[in-house]
Every structure is written in structure tokens, then in C-alpha cells.
């Protein structure tokens, strides 16, 4: 069981590191990121063909929830039943 917790912690740490470094590509620090950067990050992580390691929507949502993600407006629709377009 401990190994599973260690692996989860490593996965969350990796996701956090990926997010913290993403705004740097626009010359911004993570604390300067706006909703536009968050939306660009979501697109890049999930569907951008330039990303060689896209993730599933559920993985993105879970990782972003852990790091204090952007809120329900950018969460994966299937994980946010309150959204009108939830599927």
C-alpha cells in the first residue's frame, strides 16, 4: 500500500512540475498565469499535437484538482456533473 502512495505522490509532483513550468514558455512565472494560460495548458496537456505525451482528461482533472486547479469551468466535463455540457 505504501508503494501506491509513493507512486501517487510522485505522479502529483510531476503534474505540479509540468504546470509550474508551462507559463515559462510564455515568459511568465506561475503566479502570473491568467485564465488564458490555464486554458492553453489544458489544450496542450490533452490534445495539442505538439505535445508528445498527452494525458487522458480524467488524469488531467485529477492532477489539477490536487494542485488547486482552475475551478469547475475548466474541469473535465465528465467529472463536473454541474456543467450543462457534462457527458
PDB file of N, CA and C in Angstrom:
ATOM      1  N   UNK A   1       0.817  -1.185   0.000  1.00  0.00           N
ATOM      2  CA  UNK A   1       0.000   0.000   0.000  1.00  0.00           C
ATOM      3  C   UNK A   1       0.863   1.251   0.000  1.00  0.00           C
ATOM      4  N   UNK A   2       1.965   1.208   0.744  1.00  0.00           N
ATOM      5  CA  UNK A   2       2.850   2.376   0.804  1.00  0.00           C
ATOM      6  C   UNK A   2       3.410   2.712  -0.574  1.00  0.00           C
ATOM      7  N   UNK A   3       3.738   1.683  -1.353  1.00  0.00           N
ATOM      8  CA  UNK A   3       4.268   1.905  -2.695  1.00  0.00           C
ATOM      9  C   UNK A   3       3.262   2.657  -3.556  1.00  0.00           C
ATOM     10  N   UNK A   4       1.978   2.316  -3.426  1.00  0.00           N
ATOM     11  CA  UNK A   4       0.939   3.007  -4.181  1.00  0.00           C
ATOM     12  C   UNK A   4       0.899   4.481  -3.783  1.00  0.00           C
ATOM     13  N   UNK A   5       1.002   4.775  -2.487  1.00  0.00           N
ATOM     14  CA  UNK A   5       1.002   6.157  -2.025  1.00  0.00           C
ATOM     15  C   UNK A   5       2.225   6.901  -2.545  1.00  0.00           C
ATOM     16  N   UNK A   6       3.373   6.246  -2.555  1.00  0.00           N
ATOM     17  CA  UNK A   6       4.581   6.863  -3.093  1.00  0.00           C
ATOM     18  C   UNK A   6       4.422   7.177  -4.577  1.00  0.00           C
ATOM     19  N   UNK A   7       3.869   6.240  -5.326  1.00  0.00           N
ATOM     20  CA  UNK A   7       3.660   6.457  -6.757  1.00  0.00           C
ATOM     21  C   UNK A   7       2.669   7.580  -7.011  1.00  0.00           C
ATOM     22  N   UNK A   8       1.626   7.664  -6.209  1.00  0.00           N
ATOM     23  CA  UNK A   8       0.654   8.744  -6.347  1.00  0.00           C
ATOM     24  C   UNK A   8       1.308  10.084  -6.058  1.00  0.00           C
ATOM     25  N   UNK A   9       2.098  10.143  -5.013  1.00  0.00           N
ATOM     26  CA  UNK A   9       2.801  11.385  -4.676  1.00  0.00           C
ATOM     27  C   UNK A   9       3.737  11.800  -5.802  1.00  0.00           C
ATOM     28  N   UNK A  10       4.425  10.844  -6.385  1.00  0.00           N
ATOM     29  CA  UNK A  10       5.327  11.148  -7.493  1.00  0.00           C
ATOM     30  C   UNK A  10       4.548  11.657  -8.702  1.00  0.00           C
ATOM     31  N   UNK A  11       3.410  11.045  -8.981  1.00  0.00           N
ATOM     32  CA  UNK A  11       2.589  11.482 -10.116  1.00  0.00           C
ATOM     33  C   UNK A  11       2.079  12.906  -9.898  1.00  0.00           C
ATOM     34  N   UNK A  12       1.628  13.203  -8.692  1.00  0.00           N
ATOM     35  CA  UNK A  12       1.148  14.547  -8.396  1.00  0.00           C
ATOM     36  C   UNK A  12       2.289  15.560  -8.463  1.00  0.00           C
ATOM     37  N   UNK A  13       3.451  15.186  -7.966  1.00  0.00           N
ATOM     38  CA  UNK A  13       4.605  16.086  -8.015  1.00  0.00           C
ATOM     39  C   UNK A  13       5.002  16.361  -9.464  1.00  0.00           C
ATOM     40  N   UNK A  14       4.968  15.332 -10.292  1.00  0.00           N
ATOM     41  CA  UNK A  14       5.283  15.509 -11.708  1.00  0.00           C
ATOM     42  C   UNK A  14       4.282  16.459 -12.356  1.00  0.00           C
ATOM     43  N   UNK A  15       2.983  16.248 -12.099  1.00  0.00           N
ATOM     44  CA  UNK A  15       1.946  17.105 -12.673  1.00  0.00           C
ATOM     45  C   UNK A  15       2.122  18.551 -12.226  1.00  0.00           C
ATOM     46  N   UNK A  16       2.445  18.734 -10.973  1.00  0.00           N
ATOM     47  CA  UNK A  16       2.673  20.081 -10.462  1.00  0.00           C
ATOM     48  C   UNK A  16       3.871  20.719 -11.164  1.00  0.00           C
ATOM     49  N   UNK A  17       4.940  19.971 -11.328  1.00  0.00           N
ATOM     50  CA  UNK A  17       6.113  20.492 -12.011  1.00  0.00           C
ATOM     51  C   UNK A  17       5.829  20.875 -13.453  1.00  0.00           C
ATOM     52  N   UNK A  18       5.034  20.044 -14.138  1.00  0.00           N
ATOM     53  CA  UNK A  18       4.672  20.351 -15.525  1.00  0.00           C
ATOM     54  C   UNK A  18       3.898  21.662 -15.572  1.00  0.00           C
ATOM     55  N   UNK A  19       2.925  21.829 -14.669  1.00  0.00           N
ATOM     56  CA  UNK A  19       2.142  23.066 -14.652  1.00  0.00           C
ATOM     57  C   UNK A  19       3.010  24.272 -14.290  1.00  0.00           C
ATOM     58  N   UNK A  20       3.833  24.152 -13.281  1.00  0.00           N
ATOM     59  CA  UNK A  20       4.646  25.293 -12.846  1.00  0.00           C
ATOM     60  C   UNK A  20       5.612  25.757 -13.934  1.00  0.00           C
ATOM     61  N   UNK A  21       6.041  24.852 -14.792  1.00  0.00           N
ATOM     62  CA  UNK A  21       6.956  25.209 -15.869  1.00  0.00           C
ATOM     63  C   UNK A  21       6.256  25.690 -17.135  1.00  0.00           C
ATOM     64  N   UNK A  22       4.985  25.365 -17.298  1.00  0.00           N
ATOM     65  CA  UNK A  22       4.286  25.732 -18.530  1.00  0.00           C
ATOM     66  C   UNK A  22       4.257  27.240 -18.779  1.00  0.00           C
ATOM     67  N   UNK A  23       3.911  28.079 -17.814  1.00  0.00           N
ATOM     68  CA  UNK A  23       3.871  29.526 -18.091  1.00  0.00           C
ATOM     69  C   UNK A  23       5.230  30.100 -18.506  1.00  0.00           C
ATOM     70  N   UNK A  24       6.304  29.415 -18.135  1.00  0.00           N
ATOM     71  CA  UNK A  24       7.632  29.891 -18.525  1.00  0.00           C
ATOM     72  C   UNK A  24       7.790  29.949 -20.039  1.00  0.00           C
ATOM     73  N   UNK A  25       7.049  29.108 -20.755  1.00  0.00           N
ATOM     74  CA  UNK A  25       7.133  29.116 -22.219  1.00  0.00           C
ATOM     75  C   UNK A  25       6.618  30.435 -22.797  1.00  0.00           C
ATOM     76  N   UNK A  26       5.822  31.165 -22.017  1.00  0.00           N
ATOM     77  CA  UNK A  26       5.349  32.496 -22.420  1.00  0.00           C
ATOM     78  C   UNK A  26       6.083  33.601 -21.671  1.00  0.00           C
ATOM     79  N   UNK A  27       7.158  33.232 -20.974  1.00  0.00           N
ATOM     80  CA  UNK A  27       7.934  34.225 -20.238  1.00  0.00           C
ATOM     81  C   UNK A  27       7.279  34.682 -18.947  1.00  0.00           C
ATOM     82  N   UNK A  28       6.384  33.863 -18.404  1.00  0.00           N
ATOM     83  CA  UNK A  28       5.667  34.204 -17.178  1.00  0.00           C
ATOM     84  C   UNK A  28       6.064  33.270 -16.048  1.00  0.00           C
ATOM     85  N   UNK A  29       5.952  33.740 -14.838  1.00  0.00           N
ATOM     86  CA  UNK A  29       6.058  32.879 -13.664  1.00  0.00           C
ATOM     87  C   UNK A  29       4.685  32.275 -13.424  1.00  0.00           C
ATOM     88  N   UNK A  30       4.628  31.177 -12.682  1.00  0.00           N
ATOM     89  CA  UNK A  30       3.341  30.507 -12.465  1.00  0.00           C
ATOM     90  C   UNK A  30       2.332  31.422 -11.801  1.00  0.00           C
ATOM     91  N   UNK A  31       2.769  32.326 -10.936  1.00  0.00           N
ATOM     92  CA  UNK A  31       1.824  33.197 -10.233  1.00  0.00           C
ATOM     93  C   UNK A  31       1.287  34.320 -11.126  1.00  0.00           C
ATOM     94  N   UNK A  32       1.892  34.502 -12.298  1.00  0.00           N
ATOM     95  CA  UNK A  32       1.412  35.492 -13.247  1.00  0.00           C
ATOM     96  C   UNK A  32       0.429  34.892 -14.257  1.00  0.00           C
ATOM     97  N   UNK A  33       0.248  33.598 -14.205  1.00  0.00           N
ATOM     98  CA  UNK A  33      -0.612  32.919 -15.171  1.00  0.00           C
ATOM     99  C   UNK A  33      -2.057  33.393 -15.021  1.00  0.00           C
ATOM    100  N   UNK A  34      -2.695  33.621 -16.156  1.00  0.00           N
ATOM    101  CA  UNK A  34      -4.093  34.033 -16.192  1.00  0.00           C
ATOM    102  C   UNK A  34      -4.938  32.856 -16.667  1.00  0.00           C
ATOM    103  N   UNK A  35      -6.222  33.086 -16.788  1.00  0.00           N
ATOM    104  CA  UNK A  35      -7.111  32.054 -17.319  1.00  0.00           C
ATOM    105  C   UNK A  35      -6.683  31.622 -18.719  1.00  0.00           C
ATOM    106  N   UNK A  36      -6.131  32.544 -19.494  1.00  0.00           N
ATOM    107  CA  UNK A  36      -5.680  32.187 -20.837  1.00  0.00           C
ATOM    108  C   UNK A  36      -4.577  31.137 -20.794  1.00  0.00           C
ATOM    109  N   UNK A  37      -3.636  31.290 -19.861  1.00  0.00           N
ATOM    110  CA  UNK A  37      -2.561  30.291 -19.732  1.00  0.00           C
ATOM    111  C   UNK A  37      -3.113  28.956 -19.255  1.00  0.00           C
ATOM    112  N   UNK A  38      -4.073  29.001 -18.359  1.00  0.00           N
ATOM    113  CA  UNK A  38      -4.670  27.756 -17.871  1.00  0.00           C
ATOM    114  C   UNK A  38      -5.370  27.030 -19.017  1.00  0.00           C
ATOM    115  N   UNK A  39      -6.109  27.766 -19.834  1.00  0.00           N
ATOM    116  CA  UNK A  39      -6.787  27.158 -20.978  1.00  0.00           C
ATOM    117  C   UNK A  39      -5.779  26.603 -21.981  1.00  0.00           C
ATOM    118  N   UNK A  40      -4.701  27.344 -22.224  1.00  0.00           N
ATOM    119  CA  UNK A  40      -3.659  26.867 -23.144  1.00  0.00           C
ATOM    120  C   UNK A  40      -2.995  25.608 -22.585  1.00  0.00           C
ATOM    121  N   UNK A  41      -2.783  25.579 -21.277  1.00  0.00           N
ATOM    122  CA  UNK A  41      -2.189  24.404 -20.644  1.00  0.00           C
ATOM    123  C   UNK A  41      -3.099  23.193 -20.794  1.00  0.00           C
ATOM    124  N   UNK A  42      -4.379  23.391 -20.572  1.00  0.00           N
ATOM    125  CA  UNK A  42      -5.323  22.289 -20.708  1.00  0.00           C
ATOM    126  C   UNK A  42      -5.314  21.759 -22.145  1.00  0.00           C
ATOM    127  N   UNK A  43      -5.343  22.660 -23.119  1.00  0.00           N
ATOM    128  CA  UNK A  43      -5.304  22.224 -24.514  1.00  0.00           C
ATOM    129  C   UNK A  43      -4.020  21.454 -24.798  1.00  0.00           C
ATOM    130  N   UNK A  44      -2.893  22.000 -24.353  1.00  0.00           N
ATOM    131  CA  UNK A  44      -1.605  21.365 -24.611  1.00  0.00           C
ATOM    132  C   UNK A  44      -1.534  19.978 -23.964  1.00  0.00           C
ATOM    133  N   UNK A  45      -1.972  19.868 -22.705  1.00  0.00           N
ATOM    134  CA  UNK A  45      -1.875  18.583 -21.999  1.00  0.00           C
ATOM    135  C   UNK A  45      -2.784  17.524 -22.610  1.00  0.00           C
ATOM    136  N   UNK A  46      -3.938  17.943 -23.129  1.00  0.00           N
ATOM    137  CA  UNK A  46      -4.922  16.963 -23.582  1.00  0.00           C
ATOM    138  C   UNK A  46      -4.888  16.680 -25.077  1.00  0.00           C
ATOM    139  N   UNK A  47      -4.721  17.693 -25.922  1.00  0.00           N
ATOM    140  CA  UNK A  47      -4.960  17.486 -27.353  1.00  0.00           C
ATOM    141  C   UNK A  47      -3.961  18.102 -28.305  1.00  0.00           C
ATOM    142  N   UNK A  48      -3.091  18.955 -27.870  1.00  0.00           N
ATOM    143  CA  UNK A  48      -2.175  19.629 -28.786  1.00  0.00           C
ATOM    144  C   UNK A  48      -1.260  18.602 -29.447  1.00  0.00           C
ATOM    145  N   UNK A  49      -1.244  18.571 -30.785  1.00  0.00           N
ATOM    146  CA  UNK A  49      -0.392  17.598 -31.474  1.00  0.00           C
ATOM    147  C   UNK A  49       1.102  17.820 -31.215  1.00  0.00           C
ATOM    148  N   UNK A  50       1.475  19.002 -30.747  1.00  0.00           N
ATOM    149  CA  UNK A  50       2.889  19.277 -30.447  1.00  0.00           C
ATOM    150  C   UNK A  50       3.317  18.661 -29.118  1.00  0.00           C
ATOM    151  N   UNK A  51       2.366  18.211 -28.318  1.00  0.00           N
ATOM    152  CA  UNK A  51       2.685  17.560 -27.045  1.00  0.00           C
ATOM    153  C   UNK A  51       2.887  16.076 -27.302  1.00  0.00           C
ATOM    154  N   UNK A  52       4.089  15.610 -27.111  1.00  0.00           N
ATOM    155  CA  UNK A  52       4.400  14.205 -27.356  1.00  0.00           C
ATOM    156  C   UNK A  52       3.885  13.247 -26.298  1.00  0.00           C
ATOM    157  N   UNK A  53       3.374  13.778 -25.174  1.00  0.00           N
ATOM    158  CA  UNK A  53       2.873  12.931 -24.092  1.00  0.00           C
ATOM    159  C   UNK A  53       1.537  13.463 -23.567  1.00  0.00           C
ATOM    160  N   UNK A  54       0.499  13.473 -24.415  1.00  0.00           N
ATOM    161  CA  UNK A  54      -0.800  13.936 -23.912  1.00  0.00           C
ATOM    162  C   UNK A  54      -1.333  12.988 -22.847  1.00  0.00           C
ATOM    163  N   UNK A  55      -2.219  13.500 -22.022  1.00  0.00           N
ATOM    164  CA  UNK A  55      -2.822  12.690 -20.966  1.00  0.00           C
ATOM    165  C   UNK A  55      -4.325  12.595 -21.187  1.00  0.00           C
ATOM    166  N   UNK A  56      -4.943  11.623 -20.555  1.00  0.00           N
ATOM    167  CA  UNK A  56      -6.394  11.480 -20.595  1.00  0.00           C
ATOM    168  C   UNK A  56      -7.035  12.608 -19.789  1.00  0.00           C
ATOM    169  N   UNK A  57      -8.246  12.979 -20.144  1.00  0.00           N
ATOM    170  CA  UNK A  57      -8.951  14.064 -19.463  1.00  0.00           C
ATOM    171  C   UNK A  57      -9.104  13.785 -17.968  1.00  0.00           C
ATOM    172  N   UNK A  58      -9.361  12.550 -17.618  1.00  0.00           N
ATOM    173  CA  UNK A  58      -9.541  12.225 -16.198  1.00  0.00           C
ATOM    174  C   UNK A  58      -8.232  12.403 -15.425  1.00  0.00           C
ATOM    175  N   UNK A  59      -7.108  12.061 -16.041  1.00  0.00           N
ATOM    176  CA  UNK A  59      -5.813  12.257 -15.388  1.00  0.00           C
ATOM    177  C   UNK A  59      -5.516  13.739 -15.214  1.00  0.00           C
ATOM    178  N   UNK A  60      -5.820  14.520 -16.232  1.00  0.00           N
ATOM    179  CA  UNK A  60      -5.611  15.966 -16.149  1.00  0.00           C
ATOM    180  C   UNK A  60      -6.464  16.548 -15.024  1.00  0.00           C
ATOM    181  N   UNK A  61      -7.731  16.192 -14.981  1.00  0.00           N
ATOM    182  CA  UNK A  61      -8.643  16.733 -13.971  1.00  0.00           C
ATOM    183  C   UNK A  61      -8.206  16.340 -12.570  1.00  0.00           C
ATOM    184  N   UNK A  62      -7.829  15.087 -12.377  1.00  0.00           N
ATOM    185  CA  UNK A  62      -7.403  14.618 -11.057  1.00  0.00           C
ATOM    186  C   UNK A  62      -6.150  15.358 -10.596  1.00  0.00           C
ATOM    187  N   UNK A  63      -5.169  15.474 -11.467  1.00  0.00           N
ATOM    188  CA  UNK A  63      -3.929  16.159 -11.109  1.00  0.00           C
ATOM    189  C   UNK A  63      -4.180  17.636 -10.829  1.00  0.00           C
ATOM    190  N   UNK A  64      -5.002  18.272 -11.649  1.00  0.00           N
ATOM    191  CA  UNK A  64      -5.253  19.695 -11.450  1.00  0.00           C
ATOM    192  C   UNK A  64      -6.078  19.939 -10.197  1.00  0.00           C
ATOM    193  N   UNK A  65      -6.965  19.026  -9.854  1.00  0.00           N
ATOM    194  CA  UNK A  65      -7.718  19.145  -8.602  1.00  0.00           C
ATOM    195  C   UNK A  65      -6.772  19.143  -7.408  1.00  0.00           C
ATOM    196  N   UNK A  66      -5.766  18.286  -7.450  1.00  0.00           N
ATOM    197  CA  UNK A  66      -4.835  18.146  -6.336  1.00  0.00           C
ATOM    198  C   UNK A  66      -4.016  19.412  -6.131  1.00  0.00           C
ATOM    199  N   UNK A  67      -3.648  20.062  -7.221  1.00  0.00           N
ATOM    200  CA  UNK A  67      -2.808  21.251  -7.095  1.00  0.00           C
ATOM    201  C   UNK A  67      -3.628  22.536  -7.021  1.00  0.00           C
ATOM    202  N   UNK A  68      -4.902  22.427  -6.714  1.00  0.00           N
ATOM    203  CA  UNK A  68      -5.735  23.622  -6.597  1.00  0.00           C
ATOM    204  C   UNK A  68      -6.076  24.182  -7.950  1.00  0.00           C
ATOM    205  N   UNK A  69      -6.612  23.324  -8.782  1.00  0.00           N
ATOM    206  CA  UNK A  69      -6.883  23.657 -10.172  1.00  0.00           C
ATOM    207  C   UNK A  69      -7.724  24.893 -10.405  1.00  0.00           C
ATOM    208  N   UNK A  70      -8.050  25.133 -11.649  1.00  0.00           N
ATOM    209  CA  UNK A  70      -8.633  26.389 -12.071  1.00  0.00           C
ATOM    210  C   UNK A  70     -10.097  26.586 -11.717  1.00  0.00           C
ATOM    211  N   UNK A  71     -10.751  25.581 -11.228  1.00  0.00           N
ATOM    212  CA  UNK A  71     -12.164  25.732 -10.910  1.00  0.00           C
ATOM    213  C   UNK A  71     -13.028  24.930 -11.853  1.00  0.00           C
ATOM    214  N   UNK A  72     -14.321  24.880 -11.590  1.00  0.00           N
ATOM    215  CA  UNK A  72     -15.201  23.996 -12.348  1.00  0.00           C
ATOM    216  C   UNK A  72     -15.331  24.361 -13.813  1.00  0.00           C
ATOM    217  N   UNK A  73     -15.045  25.605 -14.205  1.00  0.00           N
ATOM    218  CA  UNK A  73     -15.215  25.988 -15.598  1.00  0.00           C
ATOM    219  C   UNK A  73     -14.219  25.313 -16.527  1.00  0.00           C
ATOM    220  N   UNK A  74     -13.087  24.835 -16.006  1.00  0.00           N
ATOM    221  CA  UNK A  74     -12.102  24.177 -16.850  1.00  0.00           C
ATOM    222  C   UNK A  74     -11.904  22.714 -16.516  1.00  0.00           C
ATOM    223  N   UNK A  75     -12.675  22.188 -15.608  1.00  0.00           N
ATOM    224  CA  UNK A  75     -12.532  20.775 -15.275  1.00  0.00           C
ATOM    225  C   UNK A  75     -13.129  19.921 -16.369  1.00  0.00           C
ATOM    226  N   UNK A  76     -12.709  18.714 -16.358  1.00  0.00           N
ATOM    227  CA  UNK A  76     -13.199  17.736 -17.317  1.00  0.00           C
ATOM    228  C   UNK A  76     -14.722  17.612 -17.173  1.00  0.00           C
ATOM    229  N   UNK A  77     -15.497  17.809 -18.244  1.00  0.00           N
ATOM    230  CA  UNK A  77     -16.957  17.772 -18.122  1.00  0.00           C
ATOM    231  C   UNK A  77     -17.492  16.501 -17.484  1.00  0.00           C
ATOM    232  N   UNK A  78     -16.910  15.347 -17.790  1.00  0.00           N
ATOM    233  CA  UNK A  78     -17.432  14.121 -17.206  1.00  0.00           C
ATOM    234  C   UNK A  78     -17.182  14.025 -15.718  1.00  0.00           C
ATOM    235  N   UNK A  79     -16.294  14.883 -15.163  1.00  0.00           N
ATOM    236  CA  UNK A  79     -16.045  14.882 -13.728  1.00  0.00           C
ATOM    237  C   UNK A  79     -16.785  16.009 -13.034  1.00  0.00           C
ATOM    238  N   UNK A  80     -17.470  16.874 -13.761  1.00  0.00           N
ATOM    239  CA  UNK A  80     -18.163  18.005 -13.168  1.00  0.00           C
ATOM    240  C   UNK A  80     -19.637  17.961 -13.570  1.00  0.00           C
ATOM    241  N   UNK A  81     -20.431  17.168 -12.851  1.00  0.00           N
ATOM    242  CA  UNK A  81     -21.821  16.960 -13.241  1.00  0.00           C
ATOM    243  C   UNK A  81     -22.662  18.231 -13.214  1.00  0.00           C
ATOM    244  N   UNK A  82     -22.190  19.296 -12.609  1.00  0.00           N
ATOM    245  CA  UNK A  82     -22.935  20.551 -12.557  1.00  0.00           C
ATOM    246  C   UNK A  82     -22.913  21.313 -13.875  1.00  0.00           C
ATOM    247  N   UNK A  83     -22.037  20.925 -14.783  1.00  0.00           N
ATOM    248  CA  UNK A  83     -21.945  21.636 -16.057  1.00  0.00           C
ATOM    249  C   UNK A  83     -23.074  21.223 -16.980  1.00  0.00           C
ATOM    250  N   UNK A  84     -23.581  22.187 -17.726  1.00  0.00           N
ATOM    251  CA  UNK A  84     -24.672  21.908 -18.654  1.00  0.00           C
ATOM    252  C   UNK A  84     -24.229  20.957 -19.766  1.00  0.00           C
ATOM    253  N   UNK A  85     -22.955  20.999 -20.146  1.00  0.00           N
ATOM    254  CA  UNK A  85     -22.482  20.132 -21.216  1.00  0.00           C
ATOM    255  C   UNK A  85     -21.832  18.853 -20.717  1.00  0.00           C
ATOM    256  N   UNK A  86     -22.030  18.532 -19.442  1.00  0.00           N
ATOM    257  CA  UNK A  86     -21.429  17.317 -18.876  1.00  0.00           C
ATOM    258  C   UNK A  86     -21.966  16.102 -19.615  1.00  0.00           C
ATOM    259  N   UNK A  87     -21.074  15.167 -19.873  1.00  0.00           N
ATOM    260  CA  UNK A  87     -21.491  13.987 -20.624  1.00  0.00           C
ATOM    261  C   UNK A  87     -21.213  12.809 -19.852  1.00  0.00           C
TER     262      UNK A  87
END
